[in-house]
N, C-alpha and C. Protein backbone atom coordinates (compact mmCIF):
# COMPACT_ATOMS: atom_id res chain seq x y z
N UNK A 1 -32.99 79.34 -23.66
CA UNK A 1 -33.38 78.17 -24.37
C UNK A 1 -34.47 77.48 -23.57
N UNK A 2 -35.56 77.16 -24.22
CA UNK A 2 -36.67 76.52 -23.51
C UNK A 2 -36.81 75.04 -23.85
N UNK A 3 -36.51 74.69 -25.11
CA UNK A 3 -36.63 73.29 -25.54
C UNK A 3 -35.48 72.94 -26.47
N UNK A 4 -34.99 71.71 -26.34
CA UNK A 4 -33.97 71.18 -27.24
C UNK A 4 -34.42 69.78 -27.64
N UNK A 5 -34.44 69.54 -28.95
CA UNK A 5 -34.79 68.22 -29.47
C UNK A 5 -33.65 67.75 -30.37
N UNK A 6 -33.33 66.46 -30.29
CA UNK A 6 -32.25 65.91 -31.12
C UNK A 6 -32.80 64.81 -32.00
N UNK A 7 -32.34 64.81 -33.25
CA UNK A 7 -32.71 63.79 -34.22
C UNK A 7 -31.40 63.18 -34.75
N UNK A 8 -30.87 62.14 -34.05
CA UNK A 8 -29.55 61.61 -34.37
C UNK A 8 -29.40 61.06 -35.79
N UNK A 9 -30.42 60.43 -36.33
CA UNK A 9 -30.32 59.88 -37.68
C UNK A 9 -30.04 61.00 -38.70
N UNK A 10 -30.66 62.17 -38.49
CA UNK A 10 -30.47 63.30 -39.39
C UNK A 10 -29.35 64.24 -38.93
N UNK A 11 -28.72 63.94 -37.79
CA UNK A 11 -27.70 64.79 -37.19
C UNK A 11 -28.23 66.21 -37.03
N UNK A 12 -29.44 66.30 -36.49
CA UNK A 12 -30.10 67.61 -36.36
C UNK A 12 -30.46 67.92 -34.90
N UNK A 13 -30.40 69.20 -34.59
CA UNK A 13 -30.80 69.73 -33.29
C UNK A 13 -31.85 70.79 -33.55
N UNK A 14 -32.94 70.77 -32.79
CA UNK A 14 -33.98 71.79 -32.92
C UNK A 14 -34.06 72.51 -31.57
N UNK A 15 -33.94 73.84 -31.63
CA UNK A 15 -33.94 74.67 -30.43
C UNK A 15 -35.12 75.64 -30.47
N UNK A 16 -35.79 75.78 -29.34
CA UNK A 16 -36.87 76.76 -29.19
C UNK A 16 -36.57 77.61 -27.96
N UNK A 17 -36.89 78.87 -28.04
CA UNK A 17 -36.67 79.75 -26.90
C UNK A 17 -37.17 81.15 -27.19
N UNK A 18 -36.63 82.11 -26.46
CA UNK A 18 -37.03 83.49 -26.65
C UNK A 18 -35.80 84.40 -26.60
N UNK A 19 -35.93 85.54 -27.24
CA UNK A 19 -34.90 86.58 -27.23
C UNK A 19 -35.53 87.81 -26.60
N UNK A 20 -34.89 88.33 -25.57
CA UNK A 20 -35.41 89.49 -24.86
C UNK A 20 -34.47 90.67 -25.06
N UNK A 21 -35.00 91.81 -25.45
CA UNK A 21 -34.21 93.02 -25.60
C UNK A 21 -34.35 93.84 -24.33
N UNK A 22 -33.30 93.85 -23.52
CA UNK A 22 -33.31 94.62 -22.28
C UNK A 22 -32.71 96.01 -22.47
N UNK A 23 -32.29 96.30 -23.70
CA UNK A 23 -31.66 97.59 -24.00
C UNK A 23 -32.67 98.68 -24.29
N UNK A 24 -32.16 99.84 -24.68
CA UNK A 24 -32.99 101.01 -24.96
C UNK A 24 -33.19 101.24 -26.45
N UNK A 25 -32.53 100.42 -27.29
CA UNK A 25 -32.63 100.58 -28.74
C UNK A 25 -33.12 99.28 -29.36
N UNK A 26 -33.77 99.38 -30.51
CA UNK A 26 -34.22 98.20 -31.24
C UNK A 26 -33.01 97.43 -31.74
N UNK A 27 -33.04 96.11 -31.59
CA UNK A 27 -31.99 95.24 -32.09
C UNK A 27 -32.50 94.64 -33.40
N UNK A 28 -31.74 94.86 -34.47
CA UNK A 28 -32.10 94.35 -35.79
C UNK A 28 -31.01 93.40 -36.26
N UNK A 29 -31.40 92.27 -36.85
CA UNK A 29 -30.43 91.27 -37.30
C UNK A 29 -31.02 90.46 -38.44
N UNK A 30 -30.18 89.71 -39.12
CA UNK A 30 -30.61 88.83 -40.21
C UNK A 30 -30.83 87.44 -39.63
N UNK A 31 -32.07 86.99 -39.49
CA UNK A 31 -32.33 85.67 -38.88
C UNK A 31 -31.62 84.52 -39.60
N UNK A 32 -31.46 84.62 -40.92
CA UNK A 32 -30.82 83.55 -41.67
C UNK A 32 -29.35 83.37 -41.29
N UNK A 33 -28.74 84.38 -40.66
CA UNK A 33 -27.34 84.31 -40.28
C UNK A 33 -27.13 83.90 -38.82
N UNK A 34 -28.21 83.53 -38.12
CA UNK A 34 -28.09 83.06 -36.73
C UNK A 34 -27.26 81.77 -36.72
N UNK A 35 -26.38 81.66 -35.74
CA UNK A 35 -25.60 80.43 -35.56
C UNK A 35 -25.87 79.85 -34.18
N UNK A 36 -25.51 78.60 -34.01
CA UNK A 36 -25.69 77.91 -32.74
C UNK A 36 -24.31 77.78 -32.11
N UNK A 37 -24.18 78.24 -30.87
CA UNK A 37 -22.90 78.18 -30.17
C UNK A 37 -22.91 77.10 -29.10
N UNK A 38 -21.81 76.35 -29.08
CA UNK A 38 -21.58 75.35 -28.03
C UNK A 38 -20.11 75.50 -27.64
N UNK A 39 -19.87 75.92 -26.40
CA UNK A 39 -18.50 76.19 -26.00
C UNK A 39 -17.92 77.29 -26.87
N UNK A 40 -16.73 77.04 -27.44
CA UNK A 40 -16.11 78.04 -28.31
C UNK A 40 -16.36 77.75 -29.79
N UNK A 41 -17.23 76.80 -30.10
CA UNK A 41 -17.54 76.44 -31.50
C UNK A 41 -18.87 77.03 -31.91
N UNK A 42 -18.99 77.30 -33.21
CA UNK A 42 -20.24 77.78 -33.79
C UNK A 42 -20.67 76.84 -34.91
N UNK A 43 -21.96 76.57 -34.97
CA UNK A 43 -22.53 75.70 -35.98
C UNK A 43 -23.57 76.48 -36.76
N UNK A 44 -23.66 76.24 -38.07
CA UNK A 44 -24.62 76.99 -38.88
C UNK A 44 -26.06 76.56 -38.60
N UNK A 45 -26.97 77.47 -38.83
CA UNK A 45 -28.39 77.12 -38.72
C UNK A 45 -28.86 76.68 -40.11
N UNK A 46 -29.69 75.64 -40.13
CA UNK A 46 -30.24 75.16 -41.40
C UNK A 46 -31.57 75.85 -41.68
N UNK A 47 -32.29 76.20 -40.61
CA UNK A 47 -33.59 76.87 -40.75
C UNK A 47 -33.84 77.68 -39.49
N UNK A 48 -34.38 78.90 -39.66
CA UNK A 48 -34.68 79.77 -38.53
C UNK A 48 -36.08 80.34 -38.70
N UNK A 49 -36.86 80.29 -37.64
CA UNK A 49 -38.17 80.94 -37.61
C UNK A 49 -38.10 81.98 -36.50
N UNK A 50 -37.94 83.26 -36.90
CA UNK A 50 -37.72 84.31 -35.93
C UNK A 50 -37.93 85.67 -36.60
N UNK A 51 -38.42 86.63 -35.85
CA UNK A 51 -38.53 88.00 -36.36
C UNK A 51 -37.12 88.57 -36.51
N UNK A 52 -36.98 89.61 -37.32
CA UNK A 52 -35.67 90.20 -37.57
C UNK A 52 -35.38 91.43 -36.72
N UNK A 53 -36.30 91.81 -35.85
CA UNK A 53 -36.08 92.97 -34.99
C UNK A 53 -36.76 92.74 -33.64
N UNK A 54 -36.10 93.25 -32.60
CA UNK A 54 -36.66 93.16 -31.24
C UNK A 54 -36.63 94.57 -30.67
N UNK A 55 -37.80 95.12 -30.40
CA UNK A 55 -37.91 96.47 -29.84
C UNK A 55 -37.49 96.48 -28.37
N UNK A 56 -37.13 97.65 -27.84
CA UNK A 56 -36.75 97.73 -26.42
C UNK A 56 -37.86 97.19 -25.52
N UNK A 57 -37.48 96.33 -24.58
CA UNK A 57 -38.45 95.77 -23.64
C UNK A 57 -39.27 94.63 -24.22
N UNK A 58 -39.08 94.29 -25.48
CA UNK A 58 -39.88 93.25 -26.13
C UNK A 58 -39.17 91.90 -26.04
N UNK A 59 -39.96 90.83 -26.03
CA UNK A 59 -39.45 89.46 -26.07
C UNK A 59 -40.09 88.77 -27.27
N UNK A 60 -39.26 88.11 -28.09
CA UNK A 60 -39.79 87.36 -29.23
C UNK A 60 -39.40 85.90 -29.10
N UNK A 61 -40.16 85.03 -29.73
CA UNK A 61 -39.87 83.59 -29.72
C UNK A 61 -39.07 83.23 -30.96
N UNK A 62 -38.30 82.15 -30.88
CA UNK A 62 -37.55 81.67 -32.04
C UNK A 62 -37.57 80.16 -32.09
N UNK A 63 -37.32 79.65 -33.27
CA UNK A 63 -37.08 78.24 -33.51
C UNK A 63 -35.89 78.14 -34.45
N UNK A 64 -34.91 77.32 -34.11
CA UNK A 64 -33.70 77.17 -34.93
C UNK A 64 -33.40 75.69 -35.11
N UNK A 65 -33.10 75.30 -36.34
CA UNK A 65 -32.67 73.94 -36.62
C UNK A 65 -31.21 73.99 -37.05
N UNK A 66 -30.39 73.19 -36.39
CA UNK A 66 -29.00 73.03 -36.78
C UNK A 66 -28.80 71.62 -37.28
N UNK A 67 -28.10 71.50 -38.42
CA UNK A 67 -27.89 70.17 -38.97
C UNK A 67 -26.47 70.08 -39.53
N UNK A 68 -25.67 69.24 -38.93
CA UNK A 68 -24.31 69.04 -39.41
C UNK A 68 -23.35 70.10 -38.93
N UNK A 69 -22.12 69.98 -39.44
CA UNK A 69 -21.02 70.86 -39.06
C UNK A 69 -20.83 71.92 -40.14
N UNK A 70 -19.91 72.84 -39.88
CA UNK A 70 -19.63 73.93 -40.81
C UNK A 70 -19.20 73.39 -42.17
N UNK A 71 -18.44 72.31 -42.19
CA UNK A 71 -17.92 71.76 -43.45
C UNK A 71 -18.90 70.80 -44.12
N UNK A 72 -20.10 70.65 -43.56
CA UNK A 72 -21.10 69.76 -44.15
C UNK A 72 -21.06 68.35 -43.59
N UNK A 73 -20.09 68.05 -42.73
CA UNK A 73 -20.01 66.74 -42.10
C UNK A 73 -20.97 66.65 -40.92
N UNK A 74 -20.98 65.50 -40.30
CA UNK A 74 -21.84 65.30 -39.13
C UNK A 74 -21.25 66.00 -37.92
N UNK A 75 -22.10 66.62 -37.12
CA UNK A 75 -21.64 67.34 -35.92
C UNK A 75 -21.74 66.48 -34.67
N UNK A 76 -22.64 65.49 -34.66
CA UNK A 76 -22.84 64.59 -33.52
C UNK A 76 -23.08 65.38 -32.22
N UNK A 77 -23.95 66.37 -32.27
CA UNK A 77 -24.22 67.20 -31.10
C UNK A 77 -25.07 66.44 -30.10
N UNK A 78 -24.70 66.52 -28.83
CA UNK A 78 -25.44 65.85 -27.76
C UNK A 78 -26.46 66.81 -27.17
N UNK A 79 -27.57 66.28 -26.75
CA UNK A 79 -28.65 67.09 -26.18
C UNK A 79 -28.25 67.70 -24.84
N UNK A 80 -27.25 67.14 -24.18
CA UNK A 80 -26.83 67.64 -22.86
C UNK A 80 -25.91 68.87 -22.96
N UNK A 81 -25.54 69.29 -24.17
CA UNK A 81 -24.70 70.48 -24.35
C UNK A 81 -25.43 71.73 -23.86
N UNK A 82 -24.66 72.76 -23.57
CA UNK A 82 -25.23 74.06 -23.27
C UNK A 82 -25.22 74.85 -24.58
N UNK A 83 -26.41 75.09 -25.13
CA UNK A 83 -26.54 75.75 -26.42
C UNK A 83 -26.76 77.25 -26.25
N UNK A 84 -26.22 78.01 -27.18
CA UNK A 84 -26.47 79.46 -27.26
C UNK A 84 -26.90 79.77 -28.69
N UNK A 85 -27.84 80.65 -28.84
CA UNK A 85 -28.21 81.13 -30.16
C UNK A 85 -27.50 82.47 -30.33
N UNK A 86 -26.65 82.57 -31.35
CA UNK A 86 -25.83 83.76 -31.56
C UNK A 86 -26.41 84.61 -32.68
N UNK A 87 -26.76 85.85 -32.32
CA UNK A 87 -27.31 86.78 -33.31
C UNK A 87 -26.16 87.42 -34.07
N UNK A 88 -26.29 87.54 -35.38
CA UNK A 88 -25.23 88.17 -36.16
C UNK A 88 -25.26 89.68 -35.99
N UNK A 89 -24.10 90.30 -36.20
CA UNK A 89 -24.07 91.76 -36.21
C UNK A 89 -24.72 92.19 -37.51
N UNK A 90 -25.52 93.22 -37.45
CA UNK A 90 -26.24 93.66 -38.64
C UNK A 90 -26.32 95.17 -38.65
N UNK A 91 -26.01 95.76 -39.78
CA UNK A 91 -26.11 97.21 -39.92
C UNK A 91 -27.20 97.50 -40.92
N UNK A 92 -28.16 98.25 -40.50
CA UNK A 92 -29.23 98.66 -41.42
C UNK A 92 -28.64 99.65 -42.41
N UNK A 93 -29.12 99.65 -43.66
CA UNK A 93 -28.62 100.62 -44.62
C UNK A 93 -28.88 102.03 -44.12
N UNK A 94 -27.94 102.90 -44.37
CA UNK A 94 -28.09 104.30 -43.93
C UNK A 94 -29.26 104.93 -44.67
N UNK A 95 -30.12 105.57 -43.93
CA UNK A 95 -31.25 106.25 -44.55
C UNK A 95 -30.90 107.72 -44.72
N UNK A 96 -31.55 108.32 -45.68
CA UNK A 96 -31.26 109.74 -45.90
C UNK A 96 -31.86 110.54 -44.75
N UNK A 97 -31.14 111.54 -44.28
CA UNK A 97 -31.65 112.32 -43.15
C UNK A 97 -32.90 113.10 -43.56
N UNK A 98 -33.77 113.30 -42.61
CA UNK A 98 -35.01 114.06 -42.86
C UNK A 98 -34.63 115.51 -43.15
N UNK A 99 -35.35 116.14 -44.07
CA UNK A 99 -35.03 117.54 -44.35
C UNK A 99 -35.24 118.39 -43.11
N UNK A 100 -34.37 119.33 -42.93
CA UNK A 100 -34.46 120.21 -41.75
C UNK A 100 -35.71 121.07 -41.84
N UNK A 101 -36.39 121.19 -40.73
CA UNK A 101 -37.59 122.02 -40.66
C UNK A 101 -37.20 123.36 -40.04
N UNK A 102 -37.68 124.44 -40.62
CA UNK A 102 -37.36 125.73 -40.00
C UNK A 102 -38.01 125.81 -38.62
N UNK A 103 -37.36 126.46 -37.67
CA UNK A 103 -37.94 126.55 -36.33
C UNK A 103 -39.25 127.32 -36.35
N UNK A 104 -40.18 126.90 -35.49
CA UNK A 104 -41.46 127.60 -35.41
C UNK A 104 -41.27 128.97 -34.79
N UNK A 105 -42.02 129.89 -35.29
CA UNK A 105 -42.01 131.21 -34.66
C UNK A 105 -42.84 131.10 -33.38
N UNK A 106 -42.59 131.96 -32.46
CA UNK A 106 -43.27 131.93 -31.18
C UNK A 106 -44.78 131.94 -31.35
N UNK A 107 -45.27 132.65 -32.33
CA UNK A 107 -46.72 132.74 -32.53
C UNK A 107 -47.31 131.43 -33.04
N UNK A 108 -46.47 130.54 -33.61
CA UNK A 108 -46.96 129.26 -34.14
C UNK A 108 -46.85 128.13 -33.13
N UNK A 109 -46.18 128.37 -32.02
CA UNK A 109 -45.97 127.29 -31.06
C UNK A 109 -47.24 127.00 -30.28
N UNK A 110 -47.32 125.81 -29.73
CA UNK A 110 -48.48 125.39 -28.97
C UNK A 110 -48.34 125.85 -27.53
N UNK A 111 -49.36 126.52 -26.99
CA UNK A 111 -49.26 126.97 -25.61
C UNK A 111 -49.30 125.79 -24.64
N UNK A 112 -48.62 125.92 -23.53
CA UNK A 112 -48.60 124.89 -22.50
C UNK A 112 -49.39 125.42 -21.32
N UNK A 113 -50.34 124.62 -20.87
CA UNK A 113 -51.16 125.04 -19.72
C UNK A 113 -51.01 123.99 -18.64
N UNK A 114 -50.99 124.40 -17.42
CA UNK A 114 -50.86 123.45 -16.32
C UNK A 114 -51.55 123.97 -15.08
N UNK A 115 -51.53 123.14 -14.04
CA UNK A 115 -52.20 123.52 -12.79
C UNK A 115 -51.25 123.45 -11.62
N UNK A 116 -50.02 123.80 -11.80
CA UNK A 116 -49.10 123.79 -10.65
C UNK A 116 -48.38 122.48 -10.53
N UNK A 117 -48.28 121.95 -9.32
CA UNK A 117 -47.54 120.72 -9.07
C UNK A 117 -48.11 119.54 -9.84
N UNK A 118 -47.20 118.67 -10.29
CA UNK A 118 -47.63 117.43 -10.96
C UNK A 118 -48.24 117.64 -12.31
N UNK A 119 -47.82 118.65 -13.07
CA UNK A 119 -48.37 118.89 -14.40
C UNK A 119 -48.06 117.67 -15.26
N UNK A 120 -49.05 117.23 -15.96
CA UNK A 120 -48.87 116.05 -16.84
C UNK A 120 -49.21 116.41 -18.25
């Protein structure tokens, strides 16, 4: 989290920060389902500005607005809280597998040439 802004009259919190993917696979999620975590409680997001996928080694920026509680009442969130942005679990629809390609015959394969040590 890089910035937190509070608007008490509107019972709103605005959070800005970044999401970093340190893994080896792309992380895909539904930005509209992001929630704001404080302690063991979760609060809904009213608006999210964020990409829906983070490639391995990539960092993306986000903006999240939280307004009110889960039941629509006031949340009275304090700016001194420790906020977490919680990404929802998301499963991409299964794609049809690519048709199997017959193996290349030896005569169709690409020759490999090198110069000894440190071939690149």
